[in-house]
Amino acid sequence: GGSASMRLMYLGAITAAERSIDIAAAYFIPDRLMTEELVEVRKRGVRIRVLVPDKHTDSQVVRIVSRREWGPLLESGVEIYEYEPTMLHTKMLIFDGFMVSVGSTNFDTRSFELNDEASLNVYDASFAADMTRLFESDLSRATRYCLEDWRSRPLAQKIAEGILLPLRAQL
């Protein structure tokens, strides 16, 4: 259990990051606090790369809602990539090329609060290097989603986001 402590662990690791944060997750729906934290870290020059599924996500609702929150992240220079080939099930966070968190925790509020999920945290530079290579090989098959894409997303999507946002807590 202790998924709230998992969330604190992630927040702590994000805050402590000095060089890089790589995130691969099937769902990337950071709440306001997490978003602010990521933006702050970016201001210190930490490189943040996020890999999410494109069309193959289990839930269109999740896909729509998660995007609404991406604006401030993209503006701060967070790099978001959409992975095309298959459903992305790896959930991985790599901090500073040293700490790796691998497991079933998705990057969304529900995982932190409701789901009893397990993650393994490994502090090992060579393991982190292997995982970074894996992450980057997925990245090479992903498409970068930039601020321009976000700003020019269709009106229908913005409306859907507005309607669905109150449901976010239930996702």
N, C-alpha and C. Protein backbone atom coordinates (compact mmCIF):
# COMPACT_ATOMS: atom_id res chain seq x y z
N GLY A 1 0.83 -1.21 0.00
CA GLY A 1 0.00 0.00 0.00
C GLY A 1 0.85 1.24 0.00
N GLY A 2 0.36 2.27 0.64
CA GLY A 2 1.11 3.52 0.76
C GLY A 2 1.30 4.22 -0.55
N SER A 3 0.23 4.26 -1.40
CA SER A 3 0.42 4.93 -2.69
C SER A 3 0.54 6.44 -2.52
N ALA A 4 0.02 6.97 -1.39
CA ALA A 4 0.23 8.40 -1.12
C ALA A 4 1.72 8.66 -0.90
N SER A 5 2.37 7.70 -0.23
CA SER A 5 3.81 7.87 0.00
C SER A 5 4.57 7.72 -1.32
N MET A 6 4.01 6.91 -2.23
CA MET A 6 4.59 6.76 -3.57
C MET A 6 4.59 8.12 -4.27
N ARG A 7 3.46 8.82 -4.13
CA ARG A 7 3.33 10.13 -4.76
C ARG A 7 4.36 11.10 -4.18
N LEU A 8 4.52 11.05 -2.86
CA LEU A 8 5.52 11.90 -2.21
C LEU A 8 6.92 11.54 -2.66
N MET A 9 7.15 10.24 -2.83
CA MET A 9 8.46 9.80 -3.30
C MET A 9 8.74 10.39 -4.68
N TYR A 10 7.73 10.33 -5.57
CA TYR A 10 7.91 10.89 -6.91
C TYR A 10 8.14 12.40 -6.84
N LEU A 11 7.33 13.07 -6.04
CA LEU A 11 7.49 14.52 -5.90
C LEU A 11 8.88 14.84 -5.38
N GLY A 12 9.32 14.08 -4.39
CA GLY A 12 10.65 14.28 -3.83
C GLY A 12 11.74 14.07 -4.86
N ALA A 13 11.59 13.01 -5.64
CA ALA A 13 12.60 12.69 -6.65
C ALA A 13 12.59 13.75 -7.76
N ILE A 14 11.40 14.23 -8.12
CA ILE A 14 11.31 15.28 -9.14
C ILE A 14 12.01 16.54 -8.64
N THR A 15 11.69 16.91 -7.40
CA THR A 15 12.27 18.11 -6.81
C THR A 15 13.79 18.01 -6.71
N ALA A 16 14.27 16.79 -6.44
CA ALA A 16 15.71 16.60 -6.22
C ALA A 16 16.50 16.44 -7.52
N ALA A 17 15.79 16.22 -8.62
CA ALA A 17 16.49 15.94 -9.88
C ALA A 17 17.38 17.12 -10.27
N GLU A 18 18.55 16.81 -10.77
CA GLU A 18 19.50 17.87 -11.13
C GLU A 18 19.77 17.94 -12.62
N ARG A 19 19.61 16.81 -13.32
CA ARG A 19 19.96 16.82 -14.74
C ARG A 19 18.80 16.41 -15.65
N SER A 20 18.17 15.28 -15.30
CA SER A 20 17.18 14.76 -16.23
C SER A 20 16.11 13.93 -15.54
N ILE A 21 14.92 13.98 -16.11
CA ILE A 21 13.84 13.10 -15.68
C ILE A 21 13.23 12.53 -16.95
N ASP A 22 13.20 11.19 -17.05
CA ASP A 22 12.55 10.53 -18.18
C ASP A 22 11.36 9.76 -17.63
N ILE A 23 10.20 9.98 -18.22
CA ILE A 23 8.98 9.33 -17.76
C ILE A 23 8.35 8.58 -18.92
N ALA A 24 8.06 7.31 -18.73
CA ALA A 24 7.25 6.56 -19.70
C ALA A 24 6.04 6.07 -18.94
N ALA A 25 4.85 6.41 -19.41
CA ALA A 25 3.65 6.00 -18.69
C ALA A 25 2.47 5.88 -19.64
N ALA A 26 1.62 4.90 -19.36
CA ALA A 26 0.43 4.73 -20.18
C ALA A 26 -0.52 5.91 -19.98
N TYR A 27 -0.51 6.46 -18.77
CA TYR A 27 -1.33 7.64 -18.50
C TYR A 27 -0.44 8.70 -17.88
N PHE A 28 -0.50 9.89 -18.42
CA PHE A 28 0.27 10.99 -17.84
C PHE A 28 -0.71 12.13 -17.55
N ILE A 29 -1.27 12.11 -16.35
CA ILE A 29 -2.22 13.16 -15.96
C ILE A 29 -1.72 13.77 -14.65
N PRO A 30 -0.71 14.62 -14.74
CA PRO A 30 -0.18 15.20 -13.50
C PRO A 30 -1.20 16.17 -12.91
N ASP A 31 -1.35 16.17 -11.60
CA ASP A 31 -2.23 17.16 -10.98
C ASP A 31 -1.51 18.50 -10.92
N ARG A 32 -2.19 19.50 -10.35
CA ARG A 32 -1.60 20.85 -10.37
C ARG A 32 -0.26 20.90 -9.65
N LEU A 33 -0.18 20.26 -8.50
CA LEU A 33 1.06 20.28 -7.72
C LEU A 33 2.21 19.66 -8.51
N MET A 34 1.92 18.51 -9.12
CA MET A 34 2.93 17.80 -9.90
C MET A 34 3.36 18.64 -11.10
N THR A 35 2.38 19.28 -11.74
CA THR A 35 2.67 20.14 -12.89
C THR A 35 3.58 21.29 -12.47
N GLU A 36 3.23 21.94 -11.36
CA GLU A 36 4.05 23.07 -10.87
C GLU A 36 5.46 22.61 -10.57
N GLU A 37 5.57 21.45 -9.97
CA GLU A 37 6.87 20.90 -9.59
C GLU A 37 7.72 20.65 -10.84
N LEU A 38 7.10 20.05 -11.86
CA LEU A 38 7.82 19.77 -13.11
C LEU A 38 8.25 21.07 -13.79
N VAL A 39 7.39 22.08 -13.76
CA VAL A 39 7.73 23.38 -14.36
C VAL A 39 8.90 24.02 -13.61
N GLU A 40 8.86 23.95 -12.27
CA GLU A 40 9.95 24.49 -11.45
C GLU A 40 11.29 23.84 -11.79
N VAL A 41 11.25 22.51 -11.90
CA VAL A 41 12.45 21.74 -12.20
C VAL A 41 13.00 22.15 -13.57
N ARG A 42 12.09 22.35 -14.53
CA ARG A 42 12.50 22.80 -15.87
C ARG A 42 13.22 24.15 -15.79
N LYS A 43 12.74 25.03 -14.93
CA LYS A 43 13.36 26.36 -14.78
C LYS A 43 14.82 26.24 -14.33
N ARG A 44 15.13 25.16 -13.62
CA ARG A 44 16.51 24.94 -13.19
C ARG A 44 17.33 24.27 -14.28
N GLY A 45 16.69 24.02 -15.44
CA GLY A 45 17.44 23.47 -16.56
C GLY A 45 17.48 21.94 -16.62
N VAL A 46 16.64 21.29 -15.81
CA VAL A 46 16.57 19.83 -15.87
C VAL A 46 15.81 19.43 -17.13
N ARG A 47 16.35 18.47 -17.86
CA ARG A 47 15.68 18.01 -19.08
C ARG A 47 14.60 16.99 -18.70
N ILE A 48 13.39 17.21 -19.18
CA ILE A 48 12.29 16.30 -18.87
C ILE A 48 11.72 15.75 -20.17
N ARG A 49 11.75 14.42 -20.30
CA ARG A 49 11.17 13.78 -21.48
C ARG A 49 10.07 12.84 -21.02
N VAL A 50 8.91 12.95 -21.67
CA VAL A 50 7.76 12.14 -21.30
C VAL A 50 7.33 11.35 -22.52
N LEU A 51 7.15 10.05 -22.34
CA LEU A 51 6.71 9.20 -23.44
C LEU A 51 5.34 8.63 -23.08
N VAL A 52 4.35 8.92 -23.93
CA VAL A 52 3.00 8.43 -23.70
C VAL A 52 2.49 7.74 -24.96
N PRO A 53 1.47 6.87 -24.82
CA PRO A 53 0.94 6.23 -26.01
C PRO A 53 0.17 7.24 -26.85
N ASP A 54 0.06 6.96 -28.14
CA ASP A 54 -0.71 7.85 -28.99
C ASP A 54 -2.13 7.31 -29.13
N LYS A 55 -2.39 6.57 -30.19
CA LYS A 55 -3.75 6.12 -30.46
C LYS A 55 -4.12 4.90 -29.63
N HIS A 56 -3.12 4.23 -29.07
CA HIS A 56 -3.40 2.92 -28.51
C HIS A 56 -3.75 2.91 -27.04
N THR A 57 -4.05 4.07 -26.49
CA THR A 57 -4.39 4.09 -25.07
C THR A 57 -5.72 3.38 -24.84
N ASP A 58 -5.86 2.78 -23.66
CA ASP A 58 -7.09 2.04 -23.33
C ASP A 58 -8.30 2.96 -23.35
N SER A 59 -8.10 4.20 -23.00
CA SER A 59 -9.22 5.09 -22.79
C SER A 59 -9.05 6.42 -23.50
N GLN A 60 -9.97 6.71 -24.40
CA GLN A 60 -9.95 8.00 -25.10
C GLN A 60 -10.15 9.14 -24.11
N VAL A 61 -10.99 8.88 -23.09
CA VAL A 61 -11.26 9.91 -22.09
C VAL A 61 -9.96 10.34 -21.42
N VAL A 62 -9.17 9.35 -21.03
CA VAL A 62 -7.90 9.63 -20.37
C VAL A 62 -7.01 10.45 -21.31
N ARG A 63 -7.01 10.05 -22.57
CA ARG A 63 -6.15 10.71 -23.55
C ARG A 63 -6.54 12.18 -23.69
N ILE A 64 -7.84 12.43 -23.74
CA ILE A 64 -8.31 13.80 -23.90
C ILE A 64 -8.02 14.65 -22.66
N VAL A 65 -8.35 14.09 -21.50
CA VAL A 65 -8.17 14.85 -20.26
C VAL A 65 -6.70 15.15 -19.99
N SER A 66 -5.84 14.15 -20.25
CA SER A 66 -4.43 14.35 -19.93
C SER A 66 -3.86 15.51 -20.75
N ARG A 67 -4.30 15.62 -21.99
CA ARG A 67 -3.75 16.67 -22.85
C ARG A 67 -4.05 18.08 -22.38
N ARG A 68 -5.20 18.24 -21.77
CA ARG A 68 -5.59 19.56 -21.31
C ARG A 68 -4.51 20.17 -20.41
N GLU A 69 -3.88 19.31 -19.65
CA GLU A 69 -2.91 19.77 -18.65
C GLU A 69 -1.50 19.99 -19.21
N TRP A 70 -1.33 19.67 -20.48
CA TRP A 70 0.03 19.70 -21.02
C TRP A 70 0.56 21.10 -21.33
N GLY A 71 -0.33 22.07 -21.48
CA GLY A 71 0.07 23.41 -21.90
C GLY A 71 1.23 23.99 -21.12
N PRO A 72 1.08 24.14 -19.80
CA PRO A 72 2.16 24.74 -18.98
C PRO A 72 3.45 23.93 -19.06
N LEU A 73 3.32 22.62 -19.19
CA LEU A 73 4.50 21.76 -19.28
C LEU A 73 5.24 22.03 -20.59
N LEU A 74 4.48 22.06 -21.69
CA LEU A 74 5.08 22.31 -23.00
C LEU A 74 5.70 23.70 -23.04
N GLU A 75 5.00 24.67 -22.45
CA GLU A 75 5.53 26.03 -22.42
C GLU A 75 6.85 26.11 -21.67
N SER A 76 7.00 25.26 -20.65
CA SER A 76 8.23 25.31 -19.85
C SER A 76 9.37 24.52 -20.51
N GLY A 77 9.04 23.82 -21.62
CA GLY A 77 10.09 23.09 -22.32
C GLY A 77 10.14 21.60 -22.01
N VAL A 78 9.12 21.10 -21.33
CA VAL A 78 9.03 19.65 -21.15
C VAL A 78 8.82 19.02 -22.53
N GLU A 79 9.55 17.96 -22.83
CA GLU A 79 9.42 17.29 -24.13
C GLU A 79 8.43 16.14 -23.98
N ILE A 80 7.37 16.18 -24.76
CA ILE A 80 6.37 15.11 -24.72
C ILE A 80 6.39 14.38 -26.05
N TYR A 81 6.46 13.08 -25.98
CA TYR A 81 6.50 12.26 -27.20
C TYR A 81 5.37 11.25 -27.16
N GLU A 82 4.74 11.05 -28.32
CA GLU A 82 3.68 10.07 -28.42
C GLU A 82 4.21 8.85 -29.16
N TYR A 83 4.03 7.72 -28.51
CA TYR A 83 4.57 6.46 -29.01
C TYR A 83 3.54 5.80 -29.90
N GLU A 84 3.93 5.53 -31.15
CA GLU A 84 2.98 5.05 -32.13
C GLU A 84 2.76 3.54 -32.16
N PRO A 85 3.83 2.74 -32.24
CA PRO A 85 3.66 1.36 -32.70
C PRO A 85 2.62 0.53 -31.95
N THR A 86 2.68 0.50 -30.63
CA THR A 86 1.79 -0.38 -29.89
C THR A 86 1.38 0.29 -28.61
N MET A 87 0.52 -0.36 -27.90
CA MET A 87 0.14 0.11 -26.58
C MET A 87 1.39 0.12 -25.70
N LEU A 88 1.58 1.20 -25.02
CA LEU A 88 2.76 1.35 -24.15
C LEU A 88 2.38 0.88 -22.75
N HIS A 89 3.03 -0.15 -22.27
CA HIS A 89 2.69 -0.62 -20.93
C HIS A 89 3.81 -0.44 -19.92
N THR A 90 4.97 -0.08 -20.42
CA THR A 90 6.08 0.15 -19.50
C THR A 90 5.79 1.40 -18.70
N LYS A 91 5.95 1.30 -17.43
CA LYS A 91 5.86 2.53 -16.63
C LYS A 91 7.21 2.69 -15.97
N MET A 92 7.87 3.76 -16.29
CA MET A 92 9.24 3.89 -15.86
C MET A 92 9.56 5.35 -15.61
N LEU A 93 10.29 5.60 -14.55
CA LEU A 93 10.82 6.94 -14.32
C LEU A 93 12.31 6.79 -14.10
N ILE A 94 13.08 7.63 -14.78
CA ILE A 94 14.53 7.58 -14.60
C ILE A 94 14.97 8.98 -14.17
N PHE A 95 15.61 9.05 -13.03
CA PHE A 95 16.05 10.34 -12.51
C PHE A 95 17.57 10.46 -12.59
N ASP A 96 18.04 11.51 -13.24
CA ASP A 96 19.47 11.82 -13.28
C ASP A 96 20.33 10.66 -13.77
N GLY A 97 19.75 9.78 -14.59
CA GLY A 97 20.51 8.65 -15.10
C GLY A 97 21.04 7.74 -14.00
N PHE A 98 20.34 7.74 -12.84
CA PHE A 98 20.83 6.95 -11.73
C PHE A 98 19.72 6.16 -11.03
N MET A 99 18.64 6.85 -10.66
CA MET A 99 17.55 6.14 -10.00
C MET A 99 16.49 5.78 -11.01
N VAL A 100 16.06 4.52 -10.98
CA VAL A 100 15.00 4.07 -11.88
C VAL A 100 13.85 3.53 -11.05
N SER A 101 12.65 4.00 -11.36
CA SER A 101 11.46 3.43 -10.74
C SER A 101 10.69 2.70 -11.83
N VAL A 102 10.54 1.41 -11.68
CA VAL A 102 9.84 0.60 -12.67
C VAL A 102 8.68 -0.08 -11.96
N GLY A 103 7.55 -0.15 -12.62
CA GLY A 103 6.47 -0.86 -11.97
C GLY A 103 5.13 -0.53 -12.55
N SER A 104 4.10 -0.74 -11.76
CA SER A 104 2.76 -0.60 -12.29
C SER A 104 2.12 0.73 -11.94
N THR A 105 2.88 1.64 -11.36
CA THR A 105 2.28 2.92 -10.99
C THR A 105 2.18 3.83 -12.20
N ASN A 106 0.97 4.22 -12.53
CA ASN A 106 0.77 5.19 -13.60
C ASN A 106 0.91 6.59 -13.03
N PHE A 107 1.24 7.52 -13.93
CA PHE A 107 1.46 8.89 -13.49
C PHE A 107 0.15 9.64 -13.48
N ASP A 108 -0.76 9.23 -12.60
CA ASP A 108 -2.00 9.98 -12.49
C ASP A 108 -2.49 9.89 -11.05
N THR A 109 -3.37 10.79 -10.70
CA THR A 109 -3.80 10.91 -9.31
C THR A 109 -4.42 9.63 -8.80
N ARG A 110 -5.17 8.95 -9.65
CA ARG A 110 -5.87 7.75 -9.21
C ARG A 110 -4.89 6.66 -8.78
N SER A 111 -3.82 6.50 -9.55
CA SER A 111 -2.85 5.48 -9.18
C SER A 111 -2.25 5.78 -7.83
N PHE A 112 -1.98 7.07 -7.59
CA PHE A 112 -1.35 7.43 -6.33
C PHE A 112 -2.32 7.21 -5.17
N GLU A 113 -3.61 7.43 -5.40
CA GLU A 113 -4.53 7.42 -4.27
C GLU A 113 -5.31 6.13 -4.10
N LEU A 114 -5.75 5.53 -5.20
CA LEU A 114 -6.66 4.39 -5.08
C LEU A 114 -6.01 3.06 -5.35
N ASN A 115 -5.31 2.97 -6.44
CA ASN A 115 -4.80 1.66 -6.84
C ASN A 115 -3.63 1.25 -5.97
N ASP A 116 -3.67 0.02 -5.54
CA ASP A 116 -2.57 -0.49 -4.74
C ASP A 116 -1.53 -1.02 -5.71
N GLU A 117 -0.60 -0.19 -6.08
CA GLU A 117 0.33 -0.57 -7.14
C GLU A 117 1.73 -0.75 -6.58
N ALA A 118 2.50 -1.53 -7.27
CA ALA A 118 3.84 -1.81 -6.79
C ALA A 118 4.87 -1.18 -7.72
N SER A 119 5.88 -0.59 -7.16
CA SER A 119 6.99 -0.10 -7.95
C SER A 119 8.29 -0.53 -7.31
N LEU A 120 9.26 -0.75 -8.16
CA LEU A 120 10.58 -1.12 -7.68
C LEU A 120 11.50 0.05 -7.96
N ASN A 121 12.21 0.51 -6.96
CA ASN A 121 13.15 1.61 -7.16
C ASN A 121 14.57 1.06 -7.11
N VAL A 122 15.30 1.32 -8.18
CA VAL A 122 16.65 0.79 -8.28
C VAL A 122 17.63 1.97 -8.39
N TYR A 123 18.62 1.98 -7.52
CA TYR A 123 19.64 3.04 -7.55
C TYR A 123 20.90 2.43 -8.12
N ASP A 124 21.05 2.52 -9.43
CA ASP A 124 22.20 1.87 -10.04
C ASP A 124 22.44 2.49 -11.41
N ALA A 125 23.62 3.05 -11.61
CA ALA A 125 23.90 3.80 -12.83
C ALA A 125 23.88 2.92 -14.08
N SER A 126 24.38 1.69 -13.99
CA SER A 126 24.43 0.87 -15.20
C SER A 126 23.03 0.36 -15.58
N PHE A 127 22.22 0.05 -14.56
CA PHE A 127 20.83 -0.33 -14.82
C PHE A 127 20.09 0.87 -15.43
N ALA A 128 20.33 2.04 -14.87
CA ALA A 128 19.70 3.26 -15.39
C ALA A 128 20.11 3.51 -16.83
N ALA A 129 21.38 3.23 -17.14
CA ALA A 129 21.86 3.41 -18.52
C ALA A 129 21.15 2.46 -19.47
N ASP A 130 20.96 1.19 -19.04
CA ASP A 130 20.23 0.22 -19.85
C ASP A 130 18.79 0.69 -20.09
N MET A 131 18.15 1.14 -19.02
CA MET A 131 16.76 1.59 -19.11
C MET A 131 16.63 2.85 -19.98
N THR A 132 17.65 3.71 -19.90
CA THR A 132 17.64 4.92 -20.72
C THR A 132 17.75 4.54 -22.20
N ARG A 133 18.58 3.54 -22.50
CA ARG A 133 18.69 3.07 -23.89
C ARG A 133 17.35 2.53 -24.39
N LEU A 134 16.67 1.76 -23.53
CA LEU A 134 15.36 1.23 -23.86
C LEU A 134 14.37 2.37 -24.11
N PHE A 135 14.38 3.33 -23.20
CA PHE A 135 13.51 4.50 -23.29
C PHE A 135 13.78 5.24 -24.60
N GLU A 136 15.05 5.43 -24.92
CA GLU A 136 15.41 6.19 -26.12
C GLU A 136 15.10 5.42 -27.40
N SER A 137 15.13 4.08 -27.32
CA SER A 137 14.78 3.33 -28.52
C SER A 137 13.27 3.45 -28.78
N ASP A 138 12.48 3.50 -27.70
CA ASP A 138 11.05 3.77 -27.87
C ASP A 138 10.82 5.19 -28.38
N LEU A 139 11.61 6.10 -27.84
CA LEU A 139 11.50 7.52 -28.21
C LEU A 139 11.75 7.70 -29.70
N SER A 140 12.65 6.90 -30.23
CA SER A 140 12.99 7.03 -31.65
C SER A 140 11.82 6.64 -32.55
N ARG A 141 10.86 5.90 -31.98
CA ARG A 141 9.68 5.53 -32.76
C ARG A 141 8.46 6.36 -32.35
N ALA A 142 8.72 7.41 -31.61
CA ALA A 142 7.63 8.26 -31.14
C ALA A 142 7.66 9.60 -31.87
N THR A 143 6.55 10.31 -31.81
CA THR A 143 6.46 11.61 -32.46
C THR A 143 6.40 12.69 -31.39
N ARG A 144 7.18 13.72 -31.56
CA ARG A 144 7.18 14.79 -30.58
C ARG A 144 5.88 15.58 -30.68
N TYR A 145 5.29 15.85 -29.54
CA TYR A 145 4.06 16.63 -29.49
C TYR A 145 4.46 17.99 -28.94
N CYS A 146 4.38 19.03 -29.77
CA CYS A 146 4.93 20.30 -29.31
C CYS A 146 3.83 21.30 -28.98
N LEU A 147 4.28 22.43 -28.45
CA LEU A 147 3.37 23.47 -27.99
C LEU A 147 2.43 23.91 -29.10
N GLU A 148 2.97 23.97 -30.31
CA GLU A 148 2.16 24.37 -31.46
C GLU A 148 1.00 23.39 -31.68
N ASP A 149 1.29 22.09 -31.56
CA ASP A 149 0.24 21.07 -31.68
C ASP A 149 -0.82 21.30 -30.61
N TRP A 150 -0.35 21.58 -29.41
CA TRP A 150 -1.26 21.75 -28.29
C TRP A 150 -2.15 22.97 -28.50
N ARG A 151 -1.53 24.06 -28.92
CA ARG A 151 -2.29 25.29 -29.12
C ARG A 151 -3.29 25.17 -30.25
N SER A 152 -2.96 24.36 -31.25
CA SER A 152 -3.84 24.28 -32.42
C SER A 152 -4.73 23.04 -32.39
N ARG A 153 -4.88 22.43 -31.20
CA ARG A 153 -5.75 21.25 -31.15
C ARG A 153 -7.18 21.69 -31.41
N PRO A 154 -7.98 20.81 -32.01
CA PRO A 154 -9.30 21.22 -32.47
C PRO A 154 -10.22 21.69 -31.34
N LEU A 155 -11.11 22.59 -31.69
CA LEU A 155 -12.06 23.13 -30.73
C LEU A 155 -12.86 22.00 -30.07
N ALA A 156 -13.25 21.03 -30.87
CA ALA A 156 -14.02 19.89 -30.33
C ALA A 156 -13.28 19.23 -29.18
N GLN A 157 -11.96 19.14 -29.34
CA GLN A 157 -11.19 18.51 -28.27
C GLN A 157 -11.18 19.38 -27.02
N LYS A 158 -11.05 20.69 -27.20
CA LYS A 158 -11.04 21.60 -26.05
C LYS A 158 -12.37 21.52 -25.31
N ILE A 159 -13.46 21.44 -26.07
CA ILE A 159 -14.78 21.33 -25.46
C ILE A 159 -14.88 20.01 -24.68
N ALA A 160 -14.42 18.93 -25.32
CA ALA A 160 -14.43 17.62 -24.66
C ALA A 160 -13.62 17.66 -23.37
N GLU A 161 -12.48 18.34 -23.42
CA GLU A 161 -11.64 18.45 -22.22
C GLU A 161 -12.40 19.15 -21.10
N GLY A 162 -13.10 20.21 -21.47
CA GLY A 162 -13.85 20.99 -20.48
C GLY A 162 -14.96 20.18 -19.85
N ILE A 163 -15.61 19.37 -20.67
CA ILE A 163 -16.70 18.54 -20.18
C ILE A 163 -16.15 17.41 -19.30
N LEU A 164 -15.03 16.86 -19.74
CA LEU A 164 -14.49 15.68 -19.06
C LEU A 164 -13.65 16.01 -17.83
N LEU A 165 -13.18 17.25 -17.75
CA LEU A 165 -12.26 17.57 -16.66
C LEU A 165 -12.84 17.26 -15.28
N PRO A 166 -14.12 17.59 -15.03
CA PRO A 166 -14.66 17.27 -13.71
C PRO A 166 -14.63 15.76 -13.40
N LEU A 167 -14.56 14.96 -14.44
CA LEU A 167 -14.53 13.51 -14.24
C LEU A 167 -13.14 13.02 -13.89
N ARG A 168 -12.18 13.91 -13.93
CA ARG A 168 -10.79 13.48 -13.80
C ARG A 168 -10.55 12.65 -12.55
N ALA A 169 -11.18 13.06 -11.47
CA ALA A 169 -10.97 12.35 -10.20
C ALA A 169 -11.45 10.90 -10.27
N GLN A 170 -12.40 10.63 -11.16
CA GLN A 170 -12.94 9.27 -11.24
C GLN A 170 -12.16 8.38 -12.17
N LEU A 171 -11.23 8.94 -12.94
CA LEU A 171 -10.56 8.13 -13.96
C LEU A 171 -9.73 7.02 -13.33
